[in-house]
C-alpha atoms as a PDB file:
ATOM      1  CA  UNK A   1     103.922 104.441  73.518  1.00  0.00           C
ATOM      2  CA  UNK A   2     100.277 103.349  73.242  1.00  0.00           C
ATOM      3  CA  UNK A   3      97.750 104.216  75.936  1.00  0.00           C
ATOM      4  CA  UNK A   4      94.185 103.428  76.746  1.00  0.00           C
ATOM      5  CA  UNK A   5      91.828 105.236  79.078  1.00  0.00           C
ATOM      6  CA  UNK A   6      89.623 103.173  81.411  1.00  0.00           C
ATOM      7  CA  UNK A   7      87.332 104.853  83.947  1.00  0.00           C
ATOM      8  CA  UNK A   8      87.249 103.090  87.308  1.00  0.00           C
ATOM      9  CA  UNK A   9      86.369 103.954  90.880  1.00  0.00           C
ATOM     10  CA  UNK A  10      89.633 105.377  92.182  1.00  0.00           C
ATOM     11  CA  UNK A  11      89.172 103.818  95.589  1.00  0.00           C
ATOM     12  CA  UNK A  12      88.737 100.303  94.400  1.00  0.00           C
ATOM     13  CA  UNK A  13      92.079  99.602  92.666  1.00  0.00           C
ATOM     14  CA  UNK A  14      93.435  96.094  93.079  1.00  0.00           C
ATOM     15  CA  UNK A  15      95.348  94.036  90.632  1.00  0.00           C
ATOM     16  CA  UNK A  16      96.562  90.445  90.889  1.00  0.00           C
ATOM     17  CA  UNK A  17      97.513  87.676  88.588  1.00  0.00           C
ATOM     18  CA  UNK A  18      95.178  84.733  87.920  1.00  0.00           C
ATOM     19  CA  UNK A  19      96.348  81.604  86.059  1.00  0.00           C
ATOM     20  CA  UNK A  20      93.807  80.078  83.677  1.00  0.00           C
ATOM     21  CA  UNK A  21      93.648  76.394  84.529  1.00  0.00           C
ATOM     22  CA  UNK A  22      90.265  74.872  85.032  1.00  0.00           C
ATOM     23  CA  UNK A  23      89.498  71.545  86.641  1.00  0.00           C
ATOM     24  CA  UNK A  24      88.504  70.184  83.186  1.00  0.00           C
ATOM     25  CA  UNK A  25      91.905  71.077  81.811  1.00  0.00           C
ATOM     26  CA  UNK A  26      93.621  69.272  84.701  1.00  0.00           C
ATOM     27  CA  UNK A  27      91.708  66.024  84.138  1.00  0.00           C
ATOM     28  CA  UNK A  28      91.447  66.032  80.339  1.00  0.00           C
ATOM     29  CA  UNK A  29      94.953  67.069  79.557  1.00  0.00           C
ATOM     30  CA  UNK A  30      96.909  65.508  82.358  1.00  0.00           C
ATOM     31  CA  UNK A  31      97.979  68.847  83.849  1.00  0.00           C
ATOM     32  CA  UNK A  32      99.017  68.536  87.399  1.00  0.00           C
ATOM     33  CA  UNK A  33      98.843  71.239  90.083  1.00  0.00           C
ATOM     34  CA  UNK A  34     100.866  71.651  93.240  1.00  0.00           C
ATOM     35  CA  UNK A  35     100.230  74.204  95.968  1.00  0.00           C
ATOM     36  CA  UNK A  36     101.837  75.235  99.215  1.00  0.00           C
ATOM     37  CA  UNK A  37     103.049  78.085 101.396  1.00  0.00           C
ATOM     38  CA  UNK A  38     106.055  80.190 100.529  1.00  0.00           C
ATOM     39  CA  UNK A  39     107.698  83.397 101.744  1.00  0.00           C
ATOM     40  CA  UNK A  40     104.693  84.607 103.587  1.00  0.00           C
ATOM     41  CA  UNK A  41     102.350  83.877 100.755  1.00  0.00           C
ATOM     42  CA  UNK A  42     101.440  80.858  98.622  1.00  0.00           C
ATOM     43  CA  UNK A  43     102.785  79.074  95.569  1.00  0.00           C
ATOM     44  CA  UNK A  44     101.045  77.277  92.720  1.00  0.00           C
ATOM     45  CA  UNK A  45     102.708  75.084  90.149  1.00  0.00           C
ATOM     46  CA  UNK A  46     100.976  73.815  86.995  1.00  0.00           C
ATOM     47  CA  UNK A  47     102.867  71.186  84.959  1.00  0.00           C
ATOM     48  CA  UNK A  48     102.410  68.267  82.638  1.00  0.00           C
ATOM     49  CA  UNK A  49     105.229  65.952  83.733  1.00  0.00           C
ATOM     50  CA  UNK A  50     103.914  62.804  85.497  1.00  0.00           C
ATOM     51  CA  UNK A  51     107.226  61.040  85.991  1.00  0.00           C
ATOM     52  CA  UNK A  52     107.548  62.363  89.509  1.00  0.00           C
ATOM     53  CA  UNK A  53     104.995  62.030  92.274  1.00  0.00           C
ATOM     54  CA  UNK A  54     103.353  65.103  93.762  1.00  0.00           C
ATOM     55  CA  UNK A  55     104.613  64.232  97.190  1.00  0.00           C
ATOM     56  CA  UNK A  56     108.180  64.094  96.020  1.00  0.00           C
ATOM     57  CA  UNK A  57     107.945  67.296  94.000  1.00  0.00           C
ATOM     58  CA  UNK A  58     106.431  69.106  96.944  1.00  0.00           C
ATOM     59  CA  UNK A  59     109.185  67.986  99.190  1.00  0.00           C
ATOM     60  CA  UNK A  60     111.758  69.277  96.857  1.00  0.00           C
ATOM     61  CA  UNK A  61     109.978  72.603  96.200  1.00  0.00           C
ATOM     62  CA  UNK A  62     109.440  73.141  99.948  1.00  0.00           C
ATOM     63  CA  UNK A  63     113.138  72.386 100.487  1.00  0.00           C
ATOM     64  CA  UNK A  64     113.960  75.143  98.036  1.00  0.00           C
ATOM     65  CA  UNK A  65     111.612  77.552  99.920  1.00  0.00           C
ATOM     66  CA  UNK A  66     113.349  76.576 103.175  1.00  0.00           C
ATOM     67  CA  UNK A  67     116.779  77.524 101.730  1.00  0.00           C
ATOM     68  CA  UNK A  68     115.380  80.863 100.519  1.00  0.00           C
ATOM     69  CA  UNK A  69     113.986  81.637 103.967  1.00  0.00           C
ATOM     70  CA  UNK A  70     117.157  80.659 105.692  1.00  0.00           C
ATOM     71  CA  UNK A  71     119.127  83.055 103.451  1.00  0.00           C
ATOM     72  CA  UNK A  72     116.842  86.107 102.979  1.00  0.00           C
ATOM     73  CA  UNK A  73     113.814  86.134 105.289  1.00  0.00           C
ATOM     74  CA  UNK A  74     113.875  89.222 107.538  1.00  0.00           C
ATOM     75  CA  UNK A  75     111.050  87.474 109.577  1.00  0.00           C
ATOM     76  CA  UNK A  76     113.359  84.637 110.663  1.00  0.00           C
ATOM     77  CA  UNK A  77     115.872  85.804 113.305  1.00  0.00           C
ATOM     78  CA  UNK A  78     118.302  83.057 112.378  1.00  0.00           C
ATOM     79  CA  UNK A  79     118.379  83.910 108.698  1.00  0.00           C
ATOM     80  CA  UNK A  80     121.534  85.298 107.095  1.00  0.00           C
ATOM     81  CA  UNK A  81     119.951  88.577 106.274  1.00  0.00           C
ATOM     82  CA  UNK A  82     118.725  89.031 109.837  1.00  0.00           C
ATOM     83  CA  UNK A  83     122.200  88.323 111.233  1.00  0.00           C
ATOM     84  CA  UNK A  84     123.764  90.842 108.711  1.00  0.00           C
ATOM     85  CA  UNK A  85     121.155  93.397 109.726  1.00  0.00           C
ATOM     86  CA  UNK A  86     122.182  92.890 113.406  1.00  0.00           C
ATOM     87  CA  UNK A  87     125.790  93.642 112.413  1.00  0.00           C
ATOM     88  CA  UNK A  88     127.434  90.211 111.587  1.00  0.00           C
ATOM     89  CA  UNK A  89     130.217  91.143 109.108  1.00  0.00           C
ATOM     90  CA  UNK A  90     131.941  87.741 109.315  1.00  0.00           C
ATOM     91  CA  UNK A  91     129.064  85.646 107.941  1.00  0.00           C
ATOM     92  CA  UNK A  92     129.746  84.073 104.565  1.00  0.00           C
ATOM     93  CA  UNK A  93     126.591  84.421 102.528  1.00  0.00           C
ATOM     94  CA  UNK A  94     125.367  81.601 100.172  1.00  0.00           C
ATOM     95  CA  UNK A  95     125.051  81.646  96.363  1.00  0.00           C
ATOM     96  CA  UNK A  96     121.408  82.762  96.564  1.00  0.00           C
ATOM     97  CA  UNK A  97     122.218  85.807  98.613  1.00  0.00           C
ATOM     98  CA  UNK A  98     125.114  86.637  96.296  1.00  0.00           C
ATOM     99  CA  UNK A  99     122.867  86.425  93.132  1.00  0.00           C
ATOM    100  CA  UNK A 100     120.226  88.639  94.721  1.00  0.00           C
ATOM    101  CA  UNK A 101     122.796  91.119  95.967  1.00  0.00           C
ATOM    102  CA  UNK A 102     124.344  91.316  92.429  1.00  0.00           C
ATOM    103  CA  UNK A 103     120.949  91.801  90.787  1.00  0.00           C
ATOM    104  CA  UNK A 104     120.043  94.478  93.365  1.00  0.00           C
ATOM    105  CA  UNK A 105     123.297  96.360  92.446  1.00  0.00           C
ATOM    106  CA  UNK A 106     122.525  96.143  88.803  1.00  0.00           C
ATOM    107  CA  UNK A 107     118.932  97.434  89.145  1.00  0.00           C
ATOM    108  CA  UNK A 108     120.004 100.120  91.600  1.00  0.00           C
ATOM    109  CA  UNK A 109     122.433 101.535  89.087  1.00  0.00           C
ATOM    110  CA  UNK A 110     119.946 101.323  86.154  1.00  0.00           C
ATOM    111  CA  UNK A 111     117.178 103.044  88.139  1.00  0.00           C
ATOM    112  CA  UNK A 112     119.453 105.804  89.442  1.00  0.00           C
ATOM    113  CA  UNK A 113     118.869 104.625  92.955  1.00  0.00           C
ATOM    114  CA  UNK A 114     115.082 104.326  92.921  1.00  0.00           C
ATOM    115  CA  UNK A 115     115.531 100.658  93.601  1.00  0.00           C
ATOM    116  CA  UNK A 116     117.310 100.198  96.864  1.00  0.00           C
ATOM    117  CA  UNK A 117     116.996  97.232  99.226  1.00  0.00           C
ATOM    118  CA  UNK A 118     118.561  99.195 102.104  1.00  0.00           C
ATOM    119  CA  UNK A 119     115.072 100.615 102.775  1.00  0.00           C
ATOM    120  CA  UNK A 120     114.767  98.027 105.536  1.00  0.00           C
ATOM    121  CA  UNK A 121     114.851 100.574 108.340  1.00  0.00           C
ATOM    122  CA  UNK A 122     112.218 102.675 106.590  1.00  0.00           C
ATOM    123  CA  UNK A 123     110.025  99.561 105.994  1.00  0.00           C
ATOM    124  CA  UNK A 124     110.238  98.815 109.733  1.00  0.00           C
ATOM    125  CA  UNK A 125     109.551 102.453 110.705  1.00  0.00           C
ATOM    126  CA  UNK A 126     106.395 102.581 108.651  1.00  0.00           C
ATOM    127  CA  UNK A 127     105.096  99.255 110.012  1.00  0.00           C
ATOM    128  CA  UNK A 128     105.694  97.037 106.988  1.00  0.00           C
ATOM    129  CA  UNK A 129     108.577  95.017 108.419  1.00  0.00           C
ATOM    130  CA  UNK A 130     109.258  92.565 111.204  1.00  0.00           C
ATOM    131  CA  UNK A 131     110.210  95.216 113.755  1.00  0.00           C
ATOM    132  CA  UNK A 132     107.930  97.577 115.709  1.00  0.00           C
ATOM    133  CA  UNK A 133     106.819 100.640 113.780  1.00  0.00           C
ATOM    134  CA  UNK A 134     107.350 104.169 115.007  1.00  0.00           C
ATOM    135  CA  UNK A 135     104.217 105.579 116.508  1.00  0.00           C
ATOM    136  CA  UNK A 136     104.665 108.664 114.286  1.00  0.00           C
ATOM    137  CA  UNK A 137     106.906 109.411 111.368  1.00  0.00           C
ATOM    138  CA  UNK A 138     107.839 113.088 110.981  1.00  0.00           C
ATOM    139  CA  UNK A 139     110.319 114.660 108.568  1.00  0.00           C
ATOM    140  CA  UNK A 140     113.143 114.798 111.181  1.00  0.00           C
ATOM    141  CA  UNK A 141     112.762 111.064 111.874  1.00  0.00           C
ATOM    142  CA  UNK A 142     112.605 110.293 108.220  1.00  0.00           C
ATOM    143  CA  UNK A 143     115.788 112.241 107.466  1.00  0.00           C
ATOM    144  CA  UNK A 144     117.631 110.566 110.349  1.00  0.00           C
ATOM    145  CA  UNK A 145     116.769 107.122 108.884  1.00  0.00           C
ATOM    146  CA  UNK A 146     117.866 108.210 105.417  1.00  0.00           C
ATOM    147  CA  UNK A 147     121.411 108.708 106.803  1.00  0.00           C
ATOM    148  CA  UNK A 148     121.724 104.913 106.862  1.00  0.00           C
ATOM    149  CA  UNK A 149     119.793 104.230 103.681  1.00  0.00           C
ATOM    150  CA  UNK A 150     121.701 103.833 100.414  1.00  0.00           C
ATOM    151  CA  UNK A 151     122.984 100.818  98.456  1.00  0.00           C
ATOM    152  CA  UNK A 152     126.330 102.523  98.056  1.00  0.00           C
ATOM    153  CA  UNK A 153     126.782 102.024 101.908  1.00  0.00           C
ATOM    154  CA  UNK A 154     127.000  98.217 101.457  1.00  0.00           C
ATOM    155  CA  UNK A 155     129.656  95.985  99.936  1.00  0.00           C
ATOM    156  CA  UNK A 156     129.998  92.345  98.998  1.00  0.00           C
ATOM    157  CA  UNK A 157     133.593  91.412  99.769  1.00  0.00           C
ATOM    158  CA  UNK A 158     135.744  88.864  97.861  1.00  0.00           C
ATOM    159  CA  UNK A 159     135.331  86.602 100.845  1.00  0.00           C
ATOM    160  CA  UNK A 160     131.453  86.762 100.325  1.00  0.00           C
ATOM    161  CA  UNK A 161     130.782  88.650 103.501  1.00  0.00           C
ATOM    162  CA  UNK A 162     128.733  91.811 103.665  1.00  0.00           C
ATOM    163  CA  UNK A 163     130.179  95.147 104.889  1.00  0.00           C
ATOM    164  CA  UNK A 164     127.957  98.066 105.900  1.00  0.00           C
ATOM    165  CA  UNK A 165     129.294 101.645 106.237  1.00  0.00           C
ATOM    166  CA  UNK A 166     126.697 102.289 109.081  1.00  0.00           C
ATOM    167  CA  UNK A 167     125.610  99.627 111.614  1.00  0.00           C
ATOM    168  CA  UNK A 168     121.988 100.668 111.265  1.00  0.00           C
ATOM    169  CA  UNK A 169     121.796  99.874 107.542  1.00  0.00           C
ATOM    170  CA  UNK A 170     119.039  97.267 107.072  1.00  0.00           C
ATOM    171  CA  UNK A 171     118.640  94.953 104.048  1.00  0.00           C
ATOM    172  CA  UNK A 172     115.126  94.074 102.816  1.00  0.00           C
ATOM    173  CA  UNK A 173     115.170  91.700  99.828  1.00  0.00           C
ATOM    174  CA  UNK A 174     111.323  91.344  99.636  1.00  0.00           C
ATOM    175  CA  UNK A 175     111.376  93.172  96.300  1.00  0.00           C
ATOM    176  CA  UNK A 176     113.626  90.498  94.717  1.00  0.00           C
ATOM    177  CA  UNK A 177     113.421  87.327  96.860  1.00  0.00           C
ATOM    178  CA  UNK A 178     109.998  86.241  95.815  1.00  0.00           C
ATOM    179  CA  UNK A 179     110.816  86.587  92.159  1.00  0.00           C
ATOM    180  CA  UNK A 180     114.083  84.916  92.693  1.00  0.00           C
ATOM    181  CA  UNK A 181     112.403  81.959  94.450  1.00  0.00           C
ATOM    182  CA  UNK A 182     110.188  81.607  91.465  1.00  0.00           C
ATOM    183  CA  UNK A 183     113.277  81.372  89.225  1.00  0.00           C
ATOM    184  CA  UNK A 184     114.925  78.795  91.471  1.00  0.00           C
ATOM    185  CA  UNK A 185     111.771  76.598  91.516  1.00  0.00           C
ATOM    186  CA  UNK A 186     111.568  76.876  87.724  1.00  0.00           C
ATOM    187  CA  UNK A 187     115.248  75.850  87.476  1.00  0.00           C
ATOM    188  CA  UNK A 188     114.403  72.837  89.686  1.00  0.00           C
ATOM    189  CA  UNK A 189     111.694  71.736  87.246  1.00  0.00           C
ATOM    190  CA  UNK A 190     113.944  72.217  84.290  1.00  0.00           C
ATOM    191  CA  UNK A 191     116.664  70.103  85.942  1.00  0.00           C
ATOM    192  CA  UNK A 192     114.004  67.294  85.994  1.00  0.00           C
ATOM    193  CA  UNK A 193     113.287  67.713  82.334  1.00  0.00           C
ATOM    194  CA  UNK A 194     109.910  69.518  82.828  1.00  0.00           C
ATOM    195  CA  UNK A 195     109.361  71.506  79.640  1.00  0.00           C
ATOM    196  CA  UNK A 196     105.776  72.732  80.163  1.00  0.00           C
ATOM    197  CA  UNK A 197     105.012  74.417  83.443  1.00  0.00           C
ATOM    198  CA  UNK A 198     103.938  77.623  85.152  1.00  0.00           C
ATOM    199  CA  UNK A 199     105.283  78.630  88.571  1.00  0.00           C
ATOM    200  CA  UNK A 200     103.578  81.338  90.649  1.00  0.00           C
ATOM    201  CA  UNK A 201     104.514  82.667  94.077  1.00  0.00           C
ATOM    202  CA  UNK A 202     102.376  85.468  95.403  1.00  0.00           C
ATOM    203  CA  UNK A 203     101.428  86.634  91.883  1.00  0.00           C
ATOM    204  CA  UNK A 204     104.993  86.494  90.399  1.00  0.00           C
ATOM    205  CA  UNK A 205     105.197  84.030  87.534  1.00  0.00           C
ATOM    206  CA  UNK A 206     107.466  82.126  85.294  1.00  0.00           C
ATOM    207  CA  UNK A 207     105.897  80.451  82.266  1.00  0.00           C
ATOM    208  CA  UNK A 208     107.738  77.691  80.428  1.00  0.00           C
ATOM    209  CA  UNK A 209     106.712  76.079  77.151  1.00  0.00           C
ATOM    210  CA  UNK A 210     103.095  75.909  76.199  1.00  0.00           C
ATOM    211  CA  UNK A 211      99.735  74.991  77.746  1.00  0.00           C
ATOM    212  CA  UNK A 212      98.993  71.209  77.309  1.00  0.00           C
ATOM    213  CA  UNK A 213      95.371  72.013  76.558  1.00  0.00           C
ATOM    214  CA  UNK A 214      95.646  74.742  73.954  1.00  0.00           C
ATOM    215  CA  UNK A 215      99.049  73.966  72.605  1.00  0.00           C
ATOM    216  CA  UNK A 216      99.593  77.703  72.834  1.00  0.00           C
ATOM    217  CA  UNK A 217     101.399  79.968  75.417  1.00  0.00           C
ATOM    218  CA  UNK A 218     100.000  79.912  78.945  1.00  0.00           C
ATOM    219  CA  UNK A 219      97.367  82.554  79.701  1.00  0.00           C
ATOM    220  CA  UNK A 220      97.522  84.815  82.718  1.00  0.00           C
ATOM    221  CA  UNK A 221      95.299  87.615  83.639  1.00  0.00           C
ATOM    222  CA  UNK A 222      95.196  90.906  85.608  1.00  0.00           C
ATOM    223  CA  UNK A 223      91.986  91.380  87.547  1.00  0.00           C
ATOM    224  CA  UNK A 224      89.731  94.280  86.805  1.00  0.00           C
ATOM    225  CA  UNK A 225      89.447  96.260  90.028  1.00  0.00           C
ATOM    226  CA  UNK A 226      86.011  97.636  89.105  1.00  0.00           C
ATOM    227  CA  UNK A 227      83.952  94.527  90.010  1.00  0.00           C
ATOM    228  CA  UNK A 228      81.587  93.269  92.704  1.00  0.00           C
ATOM    229  CA  UNK A 229      81.263  89.629  93.439  1.00  0.00           C
ATOM    230  CA  UNK A 230      81.882  88.390  89.916  1.00  0.00           C
ATOM    231  CA  UNK A 231      85.432  88.108  88.755  1.00  0.00           C
ATOM    232  CA  UNK A 232      86.376  90.045  85.675  1.00  0.00           C
ATOM    233  CA  UNK A 233      89.696  90.830  84.116  1.00  0.00           C
ATOM    234  CA  UNK A 234      91.241  94.036  82.792  1.00  0.00           C
ATOM    235  CA  UNK A 235      93.860  92.270  80.808  1.00  0.00           C
ATOM    236  CA  UNK A 236      94.577  88.757  79.599  1.00  0.00           C
ATOM    237  CA  UNK A 237      98.107  87.948  78.427  1.00  0.00           C
ATOM    238  CA  UNK A 238      99.802  84.947  76.777  1.00  0.00           C
ATOM    239  CA  UNK A 239     103.153  84.032  78.254  1.00  0.00           C
ATOM    240  CA  UNK A 240     105.814  81.556  77.365  1.00  0.00           C
ATOM    241  CA  UNK A 241     109.522  81.265  78.326  1.00  0.00           C
ATOM    242  CA  UNK A 242     109.169  84.623  80.181  1.00  0.00           C
ATOM    243  CA  UNK A 243     108.551  85.961  83.652  1.00  0.00           C
ATOM    244  CA  UNK A 244     105.861  88.401  84.804  1.00  0.00           C
ATOM    245  CA  UNK A 245     105.856  90.351  88.106  1.00  0.00           C
ATOM    246  CA  UNK A 246     103.327  92.976  89.344  1.00  0.00           C
ATOM    247  CA  UNK A 247     103.768  95.564  92.083  1.00  0.00           C
ATOM    248  CA  UNK A 248     101.061  97.768  93.490  1.00  0.00           C
ATOM    249  CA  UNK A 249      99.864  99.861  96.418  1.00  0.00           C
ATOM    250  CA  UNK A 250      96.229  98.813  96.135  1.00  0.00           C
ATOM    251  CA  UNK A 251      96.199  96.307  98.992  1.00  0.00           C
ATOM    252  CA  UNK A 252      99.211  96.636 101.326  1.00  0.00           C
ATOM    253  CA  UNK A 253      98.896 100.080 102.878  1.00  0.00           C
ATOM    254  CA  UNK A 254      98.183 101.939 106.152  1.00  0.00           C
ATOM    255  CA  UNK A 255      96.389 105.163 106.955  1.00  0.00           C
ATOM    256  CA  UNK A 256      98.447 107.857 108.642  1.00  0.00           C
ATOM    257  CA  UNK A 257      96.697 108.778 111.868  1.00  0.00           C
ATOM    258  CA  UNK A 258      97.682 112.537 111.625  1.00  0.00           C
ATOM    259  CA  UNK A 259      97.351 113.293 107.969  1.00  0.00           C
ATOM    260  CA  UNK A 260      94.779 110.763 106.948  1.00  0.00           C
ATOM    261  CA  UNK A 261      97.010 109.921 103.974  1.00  0.00           C
ATOM    262  CA  UNK A 262      97.495 106.435 102.738  1.00  0.00           C
ATOM    263  CA  UNK A 263     100.939 105.079 103.588  1.00  0.00           C
ATOM    264  CA  UNK A 264     102.131 102.669 100.898  1.00  0.00           C
ATOM    265  CA  UNK A 265     104.608  99.752 101.255  1.00  0.00           C
ATOM    266  CA  UNK A 266     106.448 101.031  98.196  1.00  0.00           C
ATOM    267  CA  UNK A 267     108.937 103.362  99.783  1.00  0.00           C
ATOM    268  CA  UNK A 268     110.875 106.037  97.828  1.00  0.00           C
ATOM    269  CA  UNK A 269     114.548 105.394  98.955  1.00  0.00           C
ATOM    270  CA  UNK A 270     115.577 108.888  97.900  1.00  0.00           C
ATOM    271  CA  UNK A 271     112.990 110.788 100.027  1.00  0.00           C
ATOM    272  CA  UNK A 272     112.035 108.195 102.579  1.00  0.00           C
ATOM    273  CA  UNK A 273     108.384 108.880 101.794  1.00  0.00           C
ATOM    274  CA  UNK A 274     105.826 106.113 101.696  1.00  0.00           C
ATOM    275  CA  UNK A 275     102.941 108.084 100.266  1.00  0.00           C
ATOM    276  CA  UNK A 276     101.907 106.537  96.966  1.00  0.00           C
ATOM    277  CA  UNK A 277     102.458 108.196  93.640  1.00  0.00           C
ATOM    278  CA  UNK A 278      99.851 108.268  90.926  1.00  0.00           C
ATOM    279  CA  UNK A 279     101.218 104.900  89.672  1.00  0.00           C
ATOM    280  CA  UNK A 280      98.818 102.387  91.216  1.00  0.00           C
ATOM    281  CA  UNK A 281     100.422  99.308  89.745  1.00  0.00           C
ATOM    282  CA  UNK A 282     103.188  98.291  87.415  1.00  0.00           C
ATOM    283  CA  UNK A 283     103.736  94.883  85.695  1.00  0.00           C
ATOM    284  CA  UNK A 284     106.966  93.907  84.094  1.00  0.00           C
ATOM    285  CA  UNK A 285     107.830  91.158  81.730  1.00  0.00           C
ATOM    286  CA  UNK A 286     111.431  89.998  81.738  1.00  0.00           C
ATOM    287  CA  UNK A 287     113.541  86.925  80.922  1.00  0.00           C
ATOM    288  CA  UNK A 288     113.666  85.997  84.625  1.00  0.00           C
ATOM    289  CA  UNK A 289     111.286  86.737  87.546  1.00  0.00           C
ATOM    290  CA  UNK A 290     113.889  88.289  89.843  1.00  0.00           C
ATOM    291  CA  UNK A 291     114.514  91.029  87.262  1.00  0.00           C
ATOM    292  CA  UNK A 292     110.774  91.525  86.623  1.00  0.00           C
ATOM    293  CA  UNK A 293     110.199  91.704  90.387  1.00  0.00           C
ATOM    294  CA  UNK A 294     112.902  94.268  90.999  1.00  0.00           C
ATOM    295  CA  UNK A 295     111.868  96.592  88.093  1.00  0.00           C
ATOM    296  CA  UNK A 296     108.193  96.346  89.005  1.00  0.00           C
ATOM    297  CA  UNK A 297     109.108  97.603  92.431  1.00  0.00           C
ATOM    298  CA  UNK A 298     111.184 100.463  91.053  1.00  0.00           C
ATOM    299  CA  UNK A 299     108.509 101.603  88.624  1.00  0.00           C
ATOM    300  CA  UNK A 300     106.219 102.197  91.636  1.00  0.00           C
ATOM    301  CA  UNK A 301     108.387 104.961  93.098  1.00  0.00           C
ATOM    302  CA  UNK A 302     110.077 106.408  90.017  1.00  0.00           C
ATOM    303  CA  UNK A 303     108.646 109.480  88.405  1.00  0.00           C
ATOM    304  CA  UNK A 304     106.294 108.079  85.700  1.00  0.00           C
ATOM    305  CA  UNK A 305     108.051 109.694  82.783  1.00  0.00           C
ATOM    306  CA  UNK A 306     111.465 108.321  84.046  1.00  0.00           C
ATOM    307  CA  UNK A 307     110.052 104.894  84.397  1.00  0.00           C
ATOM    308  CA  UNK A 308     108.696 104.816  80.798  1.00  0.00           C
ATOM    309  CA  UNK A 309     112.016 106.021  79.453  1.00  0.00           C
ATOM    310  CA  UNK A 310     113.832 103.425  81.470  1.00  0.00           C
ATOM    311  CA  UNK A 311     111.827 100.515  80.134  1.00  0.00           C
ATOM    312  CA  UNK A 312     112.232 101.728  76.625  1.00  0.00           C
ATOM    313  CA  UNK A 313     116.021 101.730  77.074  1.00  0.00           C
ATOM    314  CA  UNK A 314     116.031  98.128  78.253  1.00  0.00           C
ATOM    315  CA  UNK A 315     115.499  95.829  75.285  1.00  0.00           C
ATOM    316  CA  UNK A 316     114.616  92.789  77.363  1.00  0.00           C
ATOM    317  CA  UNK A 317     112.018  94.465  79.490  1.00  0.00           C
ATOM    318  CA  UNK A 318     108.324  95.428  78.771  1.00  0.00           C
ATOM    319  CA  UNK A 319     105.927  97.066  81.225  1.00  0.00           C
ATOM    320  CA  UNK A 320     102.279  97.957  81.793  1.00  0.00           C
ATOM    321  CA  UNK A 321     101.191 100.669  84.206  1.00  0.00           C
ATOM    322  CA  UNK A 322      97.868 101.534  85.815  1.00  0.00           C
ATOM    323  CA  UNK A 323      97.930 105.242  86.651  1.00  0.00           C
ATOM    324  CA  UNK A 324      95.429 107.492  88.321  1.00  0.00           C
ATOM    325  CA  UNK A 325      95.053 110.808  86.533  1.00  0.00           C
ATOM    326  CA  UNK A 326      94.462 114.143  88.300  1.00  0.00           C
ATOM    327  CA  UNK A 327      90.743 113.914  87.542  1.00  0.00           C
ATOM    328  CA  UNK A 328      90.526 110.491  89.254  1.00  0.00           C
ATOM    329  CA  UNK A 329      90.145 108.394  86.171  1.00  0.00           C
ATOM    330  CA  UNK A 330      92.387 105.408  85.529  1.00  0.00           C
ATOM    331  CA  UNK A 331      94.748 105.236  82.620  1.00  0.00           C
ATOM    332  CA  UNK A 332      96.587 102.198  81.281  1.00  0.00           C
ATOM    333  CA  UNK A 333      99.985 102.684  79.707  1.00  0.00           C
ATOM    334  CA  UNK A 334     102.035 100.070  77.785  1.00  0.00           C
ATOM    335  CA  UNK A 335     105.698 100.014  76.731  1.00  0.00           C
ATOM    336  CA  UNK A 336     106.084  99.915  72.928  1.00  0.00           C
ATOM    337  CA  UNK A 337     106.796  96.197  72.827  1.00  0.00           C
ATOM    338  CA  UNK A 338     104.323  95.068  75.510  1.00  0.00           C
ATOM    339  CA  UNK A 339     102.536  92.089  74.051  1.00  0.00           C
ATOM    340  CA  UNK A 340      98.900  91.787  73.124  1.00  0.00           C
ATOM    341  CA  UNK A 341      97.025  88.644  73.887  1.00  0.00           C
ATOM    342  CA  UNK A 342      97.064  87.612  70.272  1.00  0.00           C
ATOM    343  CA  UNK A 343     100.656  88.248  69.429  1.00  0.00           C
ATOM    344  CA  UNK A 344     102.656  87.103  72.493  1.00  0.00           C
END
């Protein structure tokens, strides 16, 4: 595995994806852009098809987002996932919930339990979910919540209902739903014969075909965290017919009032701890965005050596990590097949 050392200020880490598409490109090469709100964040779609109006496309995309929310948003009390979390074991879940559940099961097994969407109760307890956080989280409280954490305590029945072995088991699909929504929107575009587009929701991306301007793969970038007012990039990638997702603890965190430690939204389902590891961010390239999203989340809580070995075992996955060393410098690590800007 190749590695590169980059020295940055350790308190300033933040990474997100930026799609290269200037106003000039839009006007000169007939590239359209569509933007809106989705899943608590925003979406952006770049495409070259002009046979459908923006208004019509936006209505159809927003309709897809509404379906995703109705199925899997923990912030909507009437959603399927909220009803299941409250104990409804008769509700028949839709095809979207089933696909996400099955992917979660697959990744849970392959990550040896480090990916586990039953961390919902822990997410709430730490103040990252829709319910009120605990004023303090001690080891006794954490251990009690772990009693009803564990993917093996859930079951998708042949009737497409969900059974839980403990009533306090809480699902949280945030680590897959956003990536899955990107995939569903991409499928919508494909169904309308779009063959060149880029779909992004909250930084998770699917790129299809090539850029109309360059006639080459779409370019996406990871921001350089060591910058002031001027935007710079730490990495630029070319992406086509692939998905890219990034997870990190650089923005969404809290400070523990007792210990002063930073509490991260990436929670270890085995220990219940929300204190970040030395992995500051993980980016995963996969054939679909739901898979990329799930593995990027898992890589944030897995021991670093285990996460590297996992990616090397999976032939359809590549990953890029930003890791803080014990000396406070920042190291970049790449899986053996992670693409360079020139070759991918």
